[in-house]
Every structure is written in structure tokens, then in C-alpha cells.
Amino acid sequence: MSVNPFDPKTIVPAKHAQHVVLIHYPIALFLAGVAFDFLAQQKVAPRERTAGLKGTLLEHLVFARVSTVMIWLVWWVHFRS
């Protein structure tokens, strides 16, 4: 009997499938982040002045800060009473 990996009746009851996604995948992402952070620390910074953020990077930074403020605001409104 063949097992279809895309059949929800096969995947959902299988406890090992959720274990891998919920445990091993976040651990691997964390370790990869630590490795990239370590490699970034080893890189020598340029001596010339760096330009400010422009375009898409600036937009992402602004939206990230706005999202952070909104999340904290929702948390404060939820727990103030």
C-alpha cells in the first residue's frame, strides 16, 4: 500500500511530521542565523562613510517600526484594563 504524502488524512495524525516542523526546523533556522551573524562579525567594515538606507530597504525598515509600534499598542490596549 502506497502512502500519499499530500493526503491530509496521512499527514495530520502522524505525530512525527509535526515534531519535525515545530522542533527541528526552528532550531535549524536559529543555528543558521547564529552562523550568519558570526560570519558577519568577521567581515571587516569599510573605512569610507556608508550611505543611508534608500528605496526598498528604507521602506521595509519604516514598515517594521510601524508594525512594532502597532503591536505594542494593541498589547497595551488589551492589557490596560
Protein backbone atom coordinates (compact mmCIF):
# COMPACT_ATOMS: atom_id res chain seq x y z
CA MET A 1 0.00 0.00 0.00
CA SER A 2 1.43 3.35 -1.04
CA VAL A 3 1.27 6.41 1.21
CA ASN A 4 0.37 9.69 -0.44
CA PRO A 5 2.45 12.47 1.21
CA PHE A 6 -0.09 15.12 0.13
CA ASP A 7 -3.10 13.41 1.72
CA PRO A 8 -4.14 15.29 4.91
CA LYS A 9 -5.52 12.07 6.41
CA THR A 10 -2.00 10.66 6.30
CA ILE A 11 -0.05 13.72 7.46
CA VAL A 12 -2.19 15.24 10.25
CA PRO A 13 -2.38 12.19 12.54
CA ALA A 14 1.32 11.46 12.07
CA LYS A 15 2.95 12.97 15.16
CA HIS A 16 6.45 12.81 13.70
CA ALA A 17 5.51 15.26 10.91
CA GLN A 18 4.54 17.99 13.37
CA HIS A 19 7.59 17.25 15.52
CA VAL A 20 9.98 17.95 12.67
CA VAL A 21 8.23 21.18 11.68
CA LEU A 22 7.72 22.51 15.20
CA ILE A 23 11.01 21.43 16.79
CA HIS A 24 13.81 20.75 14.32
CA TYR A 25 13.05 23.43 11.72
CA PRO A 26 13.13 26.39 14.20
CA ILE A 27 16.33 25.00 15.76
CA ALA A 28 17.95 24.80 12.32
CA LEU A 29 16.85 28.35 11.47
CA PHE A 30 18.26 29.64 14.77
CA LEU A 31 21.59 27.90 14.21
CA ALA A 32 21.79 29.23 10.64
CA GLY A 33 21.09 32.73 11.96
CA VAL A 34 23.86 32.38 14.55
CA ALA A 35 26.26 31.16 11.85
CA PHE A 36 25.43 34.09 9.56
CA ASP A 37 25.78 36.52 12.47
CA PHE A 38 29.18 35.06 13.31
CA LEU A 39 30.29 35.38 9.68
CA ALA A 40 29.07 38.98 9.58
CA GLN A 41 31.11 39.82 12.69
CA GLN A 42 34.25 38.50 10.99
CA LYS A 43 33.84 40.78 7.98
CA VAL A 44 35.96 43.91 8.07
CA ALA A 45 33.95 47.10 7.95
CA PRO A 46 34.75 49.53 5.11
CA ARG A 47 36.74 52.63 6.08
CA GLU A 48 34.74 55.03 3.95
CA ARG A 49 31.44 56.56 5.12
CA THR A 50 28.42 54.43 4.34
CA ALA A 51 25.35 55.88 2.68
CA GLY A 52 21.96 55.84 4.36
CA LEU A 53 19.24 53.38 3.51
CA LYS A 54 17.34 54.02 0.30
CA GLY A 55 14.43 52.56 -1.59
CA THR A 56 13.10 49.17 -0.57
CA LEU A 57 15.38 48.75 2.45
CA LEU A 58 14.24 52.07 3.90
CA GLU A 59 10.61 51.15 3.20
CA HIS A 60 10.99 47.81 4.98
CA LEU A 61 12.63 49.47 7.98
CA VAL A 62 9.85 52.05 8.25
CA PHE A 63 7.11 49.41 7.96
CA ALA A 64 8.87 47.19 10.51
CA ARG A 65 8.99 50.04 13.01
CA VAL A 66 5.35 50.95 12.37
CA SER A 67 4.33 47.31 12.82
CA THR A 68 6.28 47.10 16.07
CA VAL A 69 4.59 50.20 17.44
CA MET A 70 1.17 48.90 16.41
CA ILE A 71 1.82 45.51 18.05
CA TRP A 72 2.87 47.19 21.31
CA LEU A 73 -0.16 49.49 21.11
CA VAL A 74 -2.54 46.55 20.69
CA TRP A 75 -0.83 44.77 23.58
CA TRP A 76 -1.17 47.85 25.79
CA VAL A 77 -4.85 48.32 24.91
CA HIS A 78 -5.52 44.64 25.58
CA PHE A 79 -3.83 44.53 28.99
CA ARG A 80 -4.54 48.01 30.37
CA SER A 81 -7.85 47.00 31.96
